[in-house]
Amino acid sequence: MSEAKVILCPGQGAQTVGMGKAWAAASPEARQVFDRADDVLGERLGARLSETCFEGPVERLNQTDVCQPALYVCGVASLAGLCASWGVTPNELPLAATAGLSLGEYTALHIAGAIGFDDGLELVALRGRAMQDAAEATPGGMVALIGADEASARTVCEKTLAGGRGGEALVCANFNAPGQVVISGHKTACERALGVAEEAGLKATMLAVAGAFHSPLMASAAERLRAKLADVEIQAGRCPVLSNVTGEPHEIIGTGRAATDEVRSLLVKQLTLPVRWVSCCEWISREAYGELHEVAPGRTLGGLMRRIDRTLKMESHDEP
């Protein structure tokens, strides 16, 4: 295999009942990843992770504490099966870059060799639980603004907060594609933002999410993640891994405590700062030369990439 690959990893919202089942059935390498995850997590999520991925119920799979480890494992498993079909192991796969949307950044770090599989699984399990707890502690929400850019989305947030009673948060949370910005904050602010956005000529839709992700309402989850990350070994990656916070690669193409501490810091910040996915994809378009592949589940990132740079062709691998 000569041409390097760019591997993109989906985030929360891509999960669906049956995810990874076809990969596990078709590929012993993919099945081994699910088996390892089941060994590590046991039934602490209420059932074995593979069972919830393959059979549901959908209500449980959609909960943040389950869907985050599920997405991580499904992405790693599908790549293991894909590599076997290419005649290489994941460690032998030539990589130009990896990137992941929000939760997918952990999958990308593992694929690049920066974080071990078990460590990554424990991290995303803790991250999902902490975010679920933060969401239950403070009612929050997220609103997709179609037709917005960063400036107009910030204006919606500012006007919404100006019309409130104070003490609320409402911020830009995701820059997913040109004309698609998600804002996040207290539920009451999100509800008022629907009208403010409509007055500004934007289409606004309340998202079916558990809480105000990538906003100050996730501060308690960020502190729990910071404590967990302190115990995790982070190594130099085999390729650039894009940071959601900066839209640029993590500084892990080398060794040194300072560089890996910065990775930890950015992963903590990611919970309360916006995801700059457009910037990540623009960096890939400029700097990463290789075939683009989206690991399972779904085809969400392929759709976003078509809106960001139509000249880039990406293959999605929801099933073998």
C-alpha atoms as a PDB file:
ATOM      1  CA  MET A   1       0.000   0.000   0.000  1.00  0.00           C
ATOM      2  CA  SER A   2       1.628   3.208  -1.161  1.00  0.00           C
ATOM      3  CA  GLU A   3      -0.822   6.097  -0.815  1.00  0.00           C
ATOM      4  CA  ALA A   4      -1.281   7.483   2.678  1.00  0.00           C
ATOM      5  CA  LYS A   5      -4.744   7.732   4.182  1.00  0.00           C
ATOM      6  CA  VAL A   6      -6.594  10.528   5.952  1.00  0.00           C
ATOM      7  CA  ILE A   7      -8.937   8.946   8.503  1.00  0.00           C
ATOM      8  CA  LEU A   8     -11.957  10.903   9.742  1.00  0.00           C
ATOM      9  CA  CYS A   9     -13.941   9.772  12.799  1.00  0.00           C
ATOM     10  CA  PRO A  10     -17.591  10.686  13.552  1.00  0.00           C
ATOM     11  CA  GLY A  11     -18.923  12.180  16.751  1.00  0.00           C
ATOM     12  CA  GLN A  12     -22.068  12.019  18.845  1.00  0.00           C
ATOM     13  CA  GLY A  13     -25.215  11.974  16.754  1.00  0.00           C
ATOM     14  CA  ALA A  14     -23.885   9.399  14.266  1.00  0.00           C
ATOM     15  CA  GLN A  15     -24.884   6.439  16.456  1.00  0.00           C
ATOM     16  CA  THR A  16     -27.603   4.052  15.294  1.00  0.00           C
ATOM     17  CA  VAL A  17     -28.790   0.627  16.429  1.00  0.00           C
ATOM     18  CA  GLY A  18     -26.893  -2.016  14.462  1.00  0.00           C
ATOM     19  CA  MET A  19     -23.717   0.044  14.235  1.00  0.00           C
ATOM     20  CA  GLY A  20     -20.677  -2.152  13.678  1.00  0.00           C
ATOM     21  CA  LYS A  21     -22.688  -5.367  13.506  1.00  0.00           C
ATOM     22  CA  ALA A  22     -21.889  -6.042   9.844  1.00  0.00           C
ATOM     23  CA  TRP A  23     -18.204  -5.312  10.467  1.00  0.00           C
ATOM     24  CA  ALA A  24     -18.090  -7.722  13.420  1.00  0.00           C
ATOM     25  CA  ALA A  25     -19.792 -10.425  11.372  1.00  0.00           C
ATOM     26  CA  ALA A  26     -17.544  -9.986   8.339  1.00  0.00           C
ATOM     27  CA  SER A  27     -14.179  -9.342   9.978  1.00  0.00           C
ATOM     28  CA  PRO A  28     -12.478 -11.273  12.805  1.00  0.00           C
ATOM     29  CA  GLU A  29     -10.261  -8.213  13.341  1.00  0.00           C
ATOM     30  CA  ALA A  30     -13.294  -5.979  13.887  1.00  0.00           C
ATOM     31  CA  ARG A  31     -14.920  -8.559  16.156  1.00  0.00           C
ATOM     32  CA  GLN A  32     -11.778  -8.657  18.296  1.00  0.00           C
ATOM     33  CA  VAL A  33     -12.066  -4.905  18.924  1.00  0.00           C
ATOM     34  CA  PHE A  34     -15.647  -5.281  20.167  1.00  0.00           C
ATOM     35  CA  ASP A  35     -14.625  -8.280  22.291  1.00  0.00           C
ATOM     36  CA  ARG A  36     -11.812  -6.282  23.880  1.00  0.00           C
ATOM     37  CA  ALA A  37     -14.176  -3.414  24.650  1.00  0.00           C
ATOM     38  CA  ASP A  38     -16.606  -5.853  26.272  1.00  0.00           C
ATOM     39  CA  ASP A  39     -13.770  -7.238  28.401  1.00  0.00           C
ATOM     40  CA  VAL A  40     -12.684  -3.765  29.521  1.00  0.00           C
ATOM     41  CA  LEU A  41     -16.132  -2.339  30.278  1.00  0.00           C
ATOM     42  CA  GLY A  42     -17.962  -5.501  31.303  1.00  0.00           C
ATOM     43  CA  GLU A  43     -21.570  -4.595  32.063  1.00  0.00           C
ATOM     44  CA  ARG A  44     -20.913  -1.305  33.831  1.00  0.00           C
ATOM     45  CA  LEU A  45     -23.056   0.434  31.189  1.00  0.00           C
ATOM     46  CA  GLY A  46     -25.979  -1.889  31.954  1.00  0.00           C
ATOM     47  CA  ALA A  47     -25.119  -4.410  29.227  1.00  0.00           C
ATOM     48  CA  ARG A  48     -22.149  -5.420  27.131  1.00  0.00           C
ATOM     49  CA  LEU A  49     -21.253  -2.598  24.767  1.00  0.00           C
ATOM     50  CA  SER A  50     -21.392  -4.804  21.666  1.00  0.00           C
ATOM     51  CA  GLU A  51     -24.938  -5.895  22.535  1.00  0.00           C
ATOM     52  CA  THR A  52     -26.130  -2.305  22.845  1.00  0.00           C
ATOM     53  CA  CYS A  53     -24.419  -1.335  19.569  1.00  0.00           C
ATOM     54  CA  PHE A  54     -25.843  -4.284  17.654  1.00  0.00           C
ATOM     55  CA  GLU A  55     -29.307  -4.649  19.208  1.00  0.00           C
ATOM     56  CA  GLY A  56     -30.122  -1.481  21.151  1.00  0.00           C
ATOM     57  CA  PRO A  57     -32.416  -0.398  22.669  1.00  0.00           C
ATOM     58  CA  VAL A  58     -32.108   2.920  20.857  1.00  0.00           C
ATOM     59  CA  GLU A  59     -33.033   4.896  23.996  1.00  0.00           C
ATOM     60  CA  ARG A  60     -29.999   3.508  25.808  1.00  0.00           C
ATOM     61  CA  LEU A  61     -27.616   3.795  22.852  1.00  0.00           C
ATOM     62  CA  ASN A  62     -28.537   7.469  22.462  1.00  0.00           C
ATOM     63  CA  GLN A  63     -27.616   8.308  26.053  1.00  0.00           C
ATOM     64  CA  THR A  64     -24.322  10.179  26.238  1.00  0.00           C
ATOM     65  CA  ASP A  65     -22.599   7.764  28.634  1.00  0.00           C
ATOM     66  CA  VAL A  66     -23.177   4.856  26.215  1.00  0.00           C
ATOM     67  CA  CYS A  67     -22.994   6.412  22.763  1.00  0.00           C
ATOM     68  CA  GLN A  68     -19.540   7.939  23.303  1.00  0.00           C
ATOM     69  CA  PRO A  69     -17.709   4.654  24.017  1.00  0.00           C
ATOM     70  CA  ALA A  70     -19.911   2.991  21.381  1.00  0.00           C
ATOM     71  CA  LEU A  71     -18.797   5.433  18.692  1.00  0.00           C
ATOM     72  CA  TYR A  72     -15.144   5.109  19.697  1.00  0.00           C
ATOM     73  CA  VAL A  73     -15.211   1.303  19.568  1.00  0.00           C
ATOM     74  CA  CYS A  74     -17.207   1.143  16.334  1.00  0.00           C
ATOM     75  CA  GLY A  75     -14.756   3.477  14.595  1.00  0.00           C
ATOM     76  CA  VAL A  76     -11.706   1.510  15.730  1.00  0.00           C
ATOM     77  CA  ALA A  77     -13.361  -1.809  14.827  1.00  0.00           C
ATOM     78  CA  SER A  78     -14.339  -0.707  11.333  1.00  0.00           C
ATOM     79  CA  LEU A  79     -10.802   0.519  10.660  1.00  0.00           C
ATOM     80  CA  ALA A  80      -9.402  -2.813  11.871  1.00  0.00           C
ATOM     81  CA  GLY A  81     -11.637  -4.618   9.395  1.00  0.00           C
ATOM     82  CA  LEU A  82     -10.829  -2.153   6.635  1.00  0.00           C
ATOM     83  CA  CYS A  83      -7.082  -2.548   7.203  1.00  0.00           C
ATOM     84  CA  ALA A  84      -7.418  -6.332   7.014  1.00  0.00           C
ATOM     85  CA  SER A  85      -9.112  -5.950   3.614  1.00  0.00           C
ATOM     86  CA  TRP A  86      -6.174  -3.783   2.530  1.00  0.00           C
ATOM     87  CA  GLY A  87      -3.670  -6.396   3.718  1.00  0.00           C
ATOM     88  CA  VAL A  88      -2.118  -4.319   6.513  1.00  0.00           C
ATOM     89  CA  THR A  89      -2.510  -4.003  10.262  1.00  0.00           C
ATOM     90  CA  PRO A  90      -3.723  -0.664  11.679  1.00  0.00           C
ATOM     91  CA  ASN A  91      -0.171   0.013  12.913  1.00  0.00           C
ATOM     92  CA  GLU A  92       1.180  -0.523   9.373  1.00  0.00           C
ATOM     93  CA  LEU A  93      -1.372   1.752   7.715  1.00  0.00           C
ATOM     94  CA  PRO A  94       0.352   4.767   6.130  1.00  0.00           C
ATOM     95  CA  LEU A  95      -1.347   7.851   7.536  1.00  0.00           C
ATOM     96  CA  ALA A  96      -1.325  11.423   6.263  1.00  0.00           C
ATOM     97  CA  ALA A  97      -3.561  12.726   9.074  1.00  0.00           C
ATOM     98  CA  THR A  98      -6.444  11.807  11.366  1.00  0.00           C
ATOM     99  CA  ALA A  99      -9.290  13.946  12.667  1.00  0.00           C
ATOM    100  CA  GLY A 100     -12.519  13.415  14.550  1.00  0.00           C
ATOM    101  CA  LEU A 101     -15.585  15.497  15.294  1.00  0.00           C
ATOM    102  CA  SER A 102     -15.783  16.161  19.054  1.00  0.00           C
ATOM    103  CA  LEU A 103     -15.832  12.651  20.583  1.00  0.00           C
ATOM    104  CA  GLY A 104     -14.229  11.432  17.342  1.00  0.00           C
ATOM    105  CA  GLU A 105     -11.020  13.261  18.252  1.00  0.00           C
ATOM    106  CA  TYR A 106     -10.294  10.466  20.744  1.00  0.00           C
ATOM    107  CA  THR A 107     -10.744   7.851  18.016  1.00  0.00           C
ATOM    108  CA  ALA A 108      -8.393   9.879  15.827  1.00  0.00           C
ATOM    109  CA  LEU A 109      -5.762  10.089  18.582  1.00  0.00           C
ATOM    110  CA  HIS A 110      -5.878   6.330  19.086  1.00  0.00           C
ATOM    111  CA  ILE A 111      -5.665   5.571  15.361  1.00  0.00           C
ATOM    112  CA  ALA A 112      -2.595   7.831  15.127  1.00  0.00           C
ATOM    113  CA  GLY A 113      -0.938   5.889  17.962  1.00  0.00           C
ATOM    114  CA  ALA A 114      -1.049   8.698  20.516  1.00  0.00           C
ATOM    115  CA  ILE A 115      -3.373   6.931  22.986  1.00  0.00           C
ATOM    116  CA  GLY A 116      -3.702   3.199  23.651  1.00  0.00           C
ATOM    117  CA  PHE A 117      -7.036   1.502  22.963  1.00  0.00           C
ATOM    118  CA  ASP A 118      -7.870   0.695  26.576  1.00  0.00           C
ATOM    119  CA  ASP A 119      -6.872   4.173  27.774  1.00  0.00           C
ATOM    120  CA  GLY A 120      -8.955   5.782  25.053  1.00  0.00           C
ATOM    121  CA  LEU A 121     -11.954   3.613  25.928  1.00  0.00           C
ATOM    122  CA  GLU A 122     -11.743   4.491  29.608  1.00  0.00           C
ATOM    123  CA  LEU A 123     -11.388   8.176  28.726  1.00  0.00           C
ATOM    124  CA  VAL A 124     -14.474   8.300  26.518  1.00  0.00           C
ATOM    125  CA  ALA A 125     -16.481   6.250  29.030  1.00  0.00           C
ATOM    126  CA  LEU A 126     -15.613   8.789  31.740  1.00  0.00           C
ATOM    127  CA  ARG A 127     -16.182  11.713  29.349  1.00  0.00           C
ATOM    128  CA  GLY A 128     -19.635  10.414  28.403  1.00  0.00           C
ATOM    129  CA  ARG A 129     -20.641   9.832  32.024  1.00  0.00           C
ATOM    130  CA  ALA A 130     -19.365  13.253  33.122  1.00  0.00           C
ATOM    131  CA  MET A 131     -21.174  15.034  30.281  1.00  0.00           C
ATOM    132  CA  GLN A 132     -24.370  13.121  31.034  1.00  0.00           C
ATOM    133  CA  ASP A 133     -24.149  14.141  34.692  1.00  0.00           C
ATOM    134  CA  ALA A 134     -23.495  17.790  33.795  1.00  0.00           C
ATOM    135  CA  ALA A 135     -26.474  17.770  31.423  1.00  0.00           C
ATOM    136  CA  GLU A 136     -28.750  16.343  34.109  1.00  0.00           C
ATOM    137  CA  ALA A 137     -27.544  18.907  36.647  1.00  0.00           C
ATOM    138  CA  THR A 138     -28.422  21.952  34.500  1.00  0.00           C
ATOM    139  CA  PRO A 139     -31.131  21.912  31.796  1.00  0.00           C
ATOM    140  CA  GLY A 140     -29.469  22.867  28.537  1.00  0.00           C
ATOM    141  CA  GLY A 141     -29.840  22.483  24.812  1.00  0.00           C
ATOM    142  CA  MET A 142     -28.363  23.121  21.391  1.00  0.00           C
ATOM    143  CA  VAL A 143     -29.786  24.918  18.354  1.00  0.00           C
ATOM    144  CA  ALA A 144     -28.650  24.487  14.748  1.00  0.00           C
ATOM    145  CA  LEU A 145     -28.552  27.717  12.771  1.00  0.00           C
ATOM    146  CA  ILE A 146     -28.751  27.200   9.011  1.00  0.00           C
ATOM    147  CA  GLY A 147     -27.467  30.075   6.910  1.00  0.00           C
ATOM    148  CA  ALA A 148     -25.332  31.458   9.734  1.00  0.00           C
ATOM    149  CA  ASP A 149     -21.653  32.327   9.862  1.00  0.00           C
ATOM    150  CA  GLU A 150     -19.678  32.899  13.051  1.00  0.00           C
ATOM    151  CA  ALA A 151     -20.529  36.595  13.260  1.00  0.00           C
ATOM    152  CA  SER A 152     -24.278  36.160  12.771  1.00  0.00           C
ATOM    153  CA  ALA A 153     -24.379  33.221  15.197  1.00  0.00           C
ATOM    154  CA  ARG A 154     -22.625  35.309  17.870  1.00  0.00           C
ATOM    155  CA  THR A 155     -25.128  38.095  17.249  1.00  0.00           C
ATOM    156  CA  VAL A 156     -28.011  35.685  17.836  1.00  0.00           C
ATOM    157  CA  CYS A 157     -26.416  34.629  21.128  1.00  0.00           C
ATOM    158  CA  GLU A 158     -25.851  38.234  22.241  1.00  0.00           C
ATOM    159  CA  LYS A 159     -29.394  39.379  21.390  1.00  0.00           C
ATOM    160  CA  THR A 160     -30.893  36.312  23.055  1.00  0.00           C
ATOM    161  CA  LEU A 161     -28.981  36.878  26.281  1.00  0.00           C
ATOM    162  CA  ALA A 162     -29.815  40.595  26.251  1.00  0.00           C
ATOM    163  CA  GLY A 163     -33.492  39.647  26.317  1.00  0.00           C
ATOM    164  CA  GLY A 164     -33.121  37.332  29.301  1.00  0.00           C
ATOM    165  CA  ARG A 165     -32.983  37.724  33.041  1.00  0.00           C
ATOM    166  CA  GLY A 166     -29.219  37.303  33.414  1.00  0.00           C
ATOM    167  CA  GLY A 167     -27.161  34.352  34.564  1.00  0.00           C
ATOM    168  CA  GLU A 168     -27.693  32.400  31.355  1.00  0.00           C
ATOM    169  CA  ALA A 169     -25.105  31.095  28.899  1.00  0.00           C
ATOM    170  CA  LEU A 170     -25.493  30.814  25.128  1.00  0.00           C
ATOM    171  CA  VAL A 171     -22.410  30.382  22.922  1.00  0.00           C
ATOM    172  CA  CYS A 172     -21.270  29.076  19.558  1.00  0.00           C
ATOM    173  CA  ALA A 173     -20.590  25.352  19.964  1.00  0.00           C
ATOM    174  CA  ASN A 174     -19.968  23.826  16.532  1.00  0.00           C
ATOM    175  CA  PHE A 175     -18.770  25.238  13.234  1.00  0.00           C
ATOM    176  CA  ASN A 176     -19.722  22.161  11.220  1.00  0.00           C
ATOM    177  CA  ALA A 177     -19.841  23.474   7.646  1.00  0.00           C
ATOM    178  CA  PRO A 178     -20.265  26.765   5.800  1.00  0.00           C
ATOM    179  CA  GLY A 179     -23.724  28.036   6.711  1.00  0.00           C
ATOM    180  CA  GLN A 180     -24.173  25.561   9.574  1.00  0.00           C
ATOM    181  CA  VAL A 181     -23.391  26.746  13.097  1.00  0.00           C
ATOM    182  CA  VAL A 182     -24.688  25.183  16.319  1.00  0.00           C
ATOM    183  CA  ILE A 183     -25.198  27.277  19.447  1.00  0.00           C
ATOM    184  CA  SER A 184     -25.403  25.841  22.960  1.00  0.00           C
ATOM    185  CA  GLY A 185     -26.467  26.934  26.415  1.00  0.00           C
ATOM    186  CA  HIS A 186     -29.246  27.043  28.987  1.00  0.00           C
ATOM    187  CA  LYS A 187     -32.499  25.540  27.722  1.00  0.00           C
ATOM    188  CA  THR A 188     -34.442  28.750  28.314  1.00  0.00           C
ATOM    189  CA  ALA A 189     -31.940  30.712  26.235  1.00  0.00           C
ATOM    190  CA  CYS A 190     -32.049  28.118  23.446  1.00  0.00           C
ATOM    191  CA  GLU A 191     -35.830  28.373  23.315  1.00  0.00           C
ATOM    192  CA  ARG A 192     -35.700  32.169  22.984  1.00  0.00           C
ATOM    193  CA  ALA A 193     -32.915  31.909  20.380  1.00  0.00           C
ATOM    194  CA  LEU A 194     -35.323  30.207  17.974  1.00  0.00           C
ATOM    195  CA  GLY A 195     -37.294  33.428  17.623  1.00  0.00           C
ATOM    196  CA  VAL A 196     -34.232  35.666  17.564  1.00  0.00           C
ATOM    197  CA  ALA A 197     -32.728  33.596  14.755  1.00  0.00           C
ATOM    198  CA  GLU A 198     -35.950  33.671  12.769  1.00  0.00           C
ATOM    199  CA  GLU A 199     -36.028  37.467  13.004  1.00  0.00           C
ATOM    200  CA  ALA A 200     -32.473  37.486  11.624  1.00  0.00           C
ATOM    201  CA  GLY A 201     -33.554  35.428   8.606  1.00  0.00           C
ATOM    202  CA  LEU A 202     -31.938  32.199   9.796  1.00  0.00           C
ATOM    203  CA  LYS A 203     -33.487  28.757  10.000  1.00  0.00           C
ATOM    204  CA  ALA A 204     -33.189  27.499  13.580  1.00  0.00           C
ATOM    205  CA  THR A 205     -33.822  23.971  14.826  1.00  0.00           C
ATOM    206  CA  MET A 206     -33.618  22.666  18.383  1.00  0.00           C
ATOM    207  CA  LEU A 207     -31.435  19.553  18.410  1.00  0.00           C
ATOM    208  CA  ALA A 208     -32.378  16.330  20.202  1.00  0.00           C
ATOM    209  CA  VAL A 209     -29.395  16.275  22.573  1.00  0.00           C
ATOM    210  CA  ALA A 210     -29.049  15.639  26.280  1.00  0.00           C
ATOM    211  CA  GLY A 211     -27.478  18.963  27.195  1.00  0.00           C
ATOM    212  CA  ALA A 212     -25.473  22.055  26.327  1.00  0.00           C
ATOM    213  CA  PHE A 213     -22.335  20.445  24.956  1.00  0.00           C
ATOM    214  CA  HIS A 214     -19.267  22.587  24.135  1.00  0.00           C
ATOM    215  CA  SER A 215     -20.497  25.366  26.415  1.00  0.00           C
ATOM    216  CA  PRO A 216     -19.708  26.641  29.921  1.00  0.00           C
ATOM    217  CA  LEU A 217     -22.403  24.288  31.245  1.00  0.00           C
ATOM    218  CA  MET A 218     -19.913  21.441  30.723  1.00  0.00           C
ATOM    219  CA  ALA A 219     -17.346  22.933  33.155  1.00  0.00           C
ATOM    220  CA  SER A 220     -17.909  20.245  35.795  1.00  0.00           C
ATOM    221  CA  ALA A 221     -17.425  17.513  33.197  1.00  0.00           C
ATOM    222  CA  ALA A 222     -14.234  19.209  32.006  1.00  0.00           C
ATOM    223  CA  GLU A 223     -12.750  19.080  35.507  1.00  0.00           C
ATOM    224  CA  ARG A 224     -13.534  15.371  35.848  1.00  0.00           C
ATOM    225  CA  LEU A 225     -11.937  14.757  32.463  1.00  0.00           C
ATOM    226  CA  ARG A 226      -8.858  16.763  33.478  1.00  0.00           C
ATOM    227  CA  ALA A 227      -8.314  14.457  36.467  1.00  0.00           C
ATOM    228  CA  LYS A 228      -8.678  11.332  34.315  1.00  0.00           C
ATOM    229  CA  LEU A 229      -6.355  12.627  31.592  1.00  0.00           C
ATOM    230  CA  ALA A 230      -3.590  13.223  34.144  1.00  0.00           C
ATOM    231  CA  ASP A 231      -3.195   9.449  34.497  1.00  0.00           C
ATOM    232  CA  VAL A 232      -3.210   8.638  30.763  1.00  0.00           C
ATOM    233  CA  GLU A 233      -0.026   8.183  28.774  1.00  0.00           C
ATOM    234  CA  ILE A 234       0.037  10.190  25.555  1.00  0.00           C
ATOM    235  CA  GLN A 235       2.727   9.348  23.013  1.00  0.00           C
ATOM    236  CA  ALA A 236       4.053  10.964  19.872  1.00  0.00           C
ATOM    237  CA  GLY A 237       1.625  10.295  17.046  1.00  0.00           C
ATOM    238  CA  ARG A 238       2.468   8.707  13.703  1.00  0.00           C
ATOM    239  CA  CYS A 239       0.794  11.561  11.832  1.00  0.00           C
ATOM    240  CA  PRO A 240      -0.862  14.942  12.440  1.00  0.00           C
ATOM    241  CA  VAL A 241      -4.036  14.739  14.552  1.00  0.00           C
ATOM    242  CA  LEU A 242      -6.342  17.737  14.279  1.00  0.00           C
ATOM    243  CA  SER A 243      -7.523  19.534  17.414  1.00  0.00           C
ATOM    244  CA  ASN A 244     -11.178  20.585  17.461  1.00  0.00           C
ATOM    245  CA  VAL A 245     -10.306  23.610  19.593  1.00  0.00           C
ATOM    246  CA  THR A 246      -7.668  25.122  17.308  1.00  0.00           C
ATOM    247  CA  GLY A 247      -8.446  23.597  13.919  1.00  0.00           C
ATOM    248  CA  GLU A 248      -4.724  22.821  13.694  1.00  0.00           C
ATOM    249  CA  PRO A 249      -2.716  19.659  14.483  1.00  0.00           C
ATOM    250  CA  HIS A 250      -1.841  18.715  18.034  1.00  0.00           C
ATOM    251  CA  GLU A 251       1.875  19.117  18.682  1.00  0.00           C
ATOM    252  CA  ILE A 252       2.577  15.410  19.150  1.00  0.00           C
ATOM    253  CA  ILE A 253       4.829  14.685  16.181  1.00  0.00           C
ATOM    254  CA  GLY A 254       7.700  14.608  18.608  1.00  0.00           C
ATOM    255  CA  THR A 255       8.294  13.736  22.210  1.00  0.00           C
ATOM    256  CA  GLY A 256       8.302  15.759  25.368  1.00  0.00           C
ATOM    257  CA  ARG A 257       6.124  16.390  28.387  1.00  0.00           C
ATOM    258  CA  ALA A 258       5.154  19.903  27.292  1.00  0.00           C
ATOM    259  CA  ALA A 259       3.633  18.687  24.025  1.00  0.00           C
ATOM    260  CA  THR A 260       1.564  15.915  25.626  1.00  0.00           C
ATOM    261  CA  ASP A 261       0.408  18.244  28.414  1.00  0.00           C
ATOM    262  CA  GLU A 262      -0.893  20.576  25.712  1.00  0.00           C
ATOM    263  CA  VAL A 263      -2.902  17.691  24.217  1.00  0.00           C
ATOM    264  CA  ARG A 264      -4.470  17.094  27.628  1.00  0.00           C
ATOM    265  CA  SER A 265      -5.238  20.797  28.011  1.00  0.00           C
ATOM    266  CA  LEU A 266      -6.926  21.027  24.602  1.00  0.00           C
ATOM    267  CA  LEU A 267      -9.027  17.910  25.236  1.00  0.00           C
ATOM    268  CA  VAL A 268     -10.292  19.486  28.462  1.00  0.00           C
ATOM    269  CA  LYS A 269     -11.006  22.806  26.726  1.00  0.00           C
ATOM    270  CA  GLN A 270     -12.868  20.967  23.978  1.00  0.00           C
ATOM    271  CA  LEU A 271     -15.790  20.345  26.359  1.00  0.00           C
ATOM    272  CA  THR A 272     -16.479  24.046  26.903  1.00  0.00           C
ATOM    273  CA  LEU A 273     -15.175  25.650  23.672  1.00  0.00           C
ATOM    274  CA  PRO A 274     -16.533  25.400  20.117  1.00  0.00           C
ATOM    275  CA  VAL A 275     -15.667  22.595  17.713  1.00  0.00           C
ATOM    276  CA  ARG A 276     -13.926  24.139  14.700  1.00  0.00           C
ATOM    277  CA  TRP A 277     -14.600  21.317  12.258  1.00  0.00           C
ATOM    278  CA  VAL A 278     -14.542  23.587   9.211  1.00  0.00           C
ATOM    279  CA  SER A 279     -11.019  24.703  10.140  1.00  0.00           C
ATOM    280  CA  CYS A 280      -9.920  21.086  10.637  1.00  0.00           C
ATOM    281  CA  CYS A 281     -11.179  20.120   7.184  1.00  0.00           C
ATOM    282  CA  GLU A 282      -9.657  23.196   5.576  1.00  0.00           C
ATOM    283  CA  TRP A 283      -6.286  22.221   7.072  1.00  0.00           C
ATOM    284  CA  ILE A 284      -6.687  18.725   5.625  1.00  0.00           C
ATOM    285  CA  SER A 285      -7.542  20.224   2.232  1.00  0.00           C
ATOM    286  CA  ARG A 286      -4.382  22.371   2.301  1.00  0.00           C
ATOM    287  CA  GLU A 287      -1.851  20.121   4.003  1.00  0.00           C
ATOM    288  CA  ALA A 288      -2.803  16.425   4.005  1.00  0.00           C
ATOM    289  CA  TYR A 289      -2.175  14.510   0.826  1.00  0.00           C
ATOM    290  CA  GLY A 290      -3.891  11.135   0.783  1.00  0.00           C
ATOM    291  CA  GLU A 291      -7.146   9.244   0.317  1.00  0.00           C
ATOM    292  CA  LEU A 292      -9.932  10.344   2.652  1.00  0.00           C
ATOM    293  CA  HIS A 293     -11.815   7.627   4.543  1.00  0.00           C
ATOM    294  CA  GLU A 294     -14.623   7.993   7.103  1.00  0.00           C
ATOM    295  CA  VAL A 295     -14.846   5.151   9.618  1.00  0.00           C
ATOM    296  CA  ALA A 296     -18.153   3.794  10.918  1.00  0.00           C
ATOM    297  CA  PRO A 297     -20.839   4.585  11.803  1.00  0.00           C
ATOM    298  CA  GLY A 298     -22.707   6.667   9.245  1.00  0.00           C
ATOM    299  CA  ARG A 299     -21.761   9.118   6.509  1.00  0.00           C
ATOM    300  CA  THR A 300     -22.181  12.424   8.330  1.00  0.00           C
ATOM    301  CA  LEU A 301     -18.602  13.625   7.843  1.00  0.00           C
ATOM    302  CA  GLY A 302     -18.700  12.879   4.135  1.00  0.00           C
ATOM    303  CA  GLY A 303     -21.737  15.120   3.820  1.00  0.00           C
ATOM    304  CA  LEU A 304     -20.055  17.927   5.747  1.00  0.00           C
ATOM    305  CA  MET A 305     -16.887  17.629   3.661  1.00  0.00           C
ATOM    306  CA  ARG A 306     -18.864  18.053   0.447  1.00  0.00           C
ATOM    307  CA  ARG A 307     -20.082  21.389   1.809  1.00  0.00           C
ATOM    308  CA  ILE A 308     -16.588  22.427   2.926  1.00  0.00           C
ATOM    309  CA  ASP A 309     -14.539  21.368  -0.122  1.00  0.00           C
ATOM    310  CA  ARG A 310     -16.254  19.636  -3.035  1.00  0.00           C
ATOM    311  CA  THR A 311     -12.925  18.881  -4.689  1.00  0.00           C
ATOM    312  CA  LEU A 312     -12.104  16.318  -1.983  1.00  0.00           C
ATOM    313  CA  LYS A 313     -13.495  12.825  -2.458  1.00  0.00           C
ATOM    314  CA  MET A 314     -14.146  10.761   0.662  1.00  0.00           C
ATOM    315  CA  GLU A 315     -15.180   7.155   1.058  1.00  0.00           C
ATOM    316  CA  SER A 316     -17.400   6.209   3.985  1.00  0.00           C
ATOM    317  CA  HIS A 317     -17.267   2.771   5.579  1.00  0.00           C
ATOM    318  CA  ASP A 318     -20.494   2.387   7.528  1.00  0.00           C
ATOM    319  CA  GLU A 319     -20.479  -1.305   6.517  1.00  0.00           C
ATOM    320  CA  PRO A 320     -17.892  -3.604   4.883  1.00  0.00           C
END
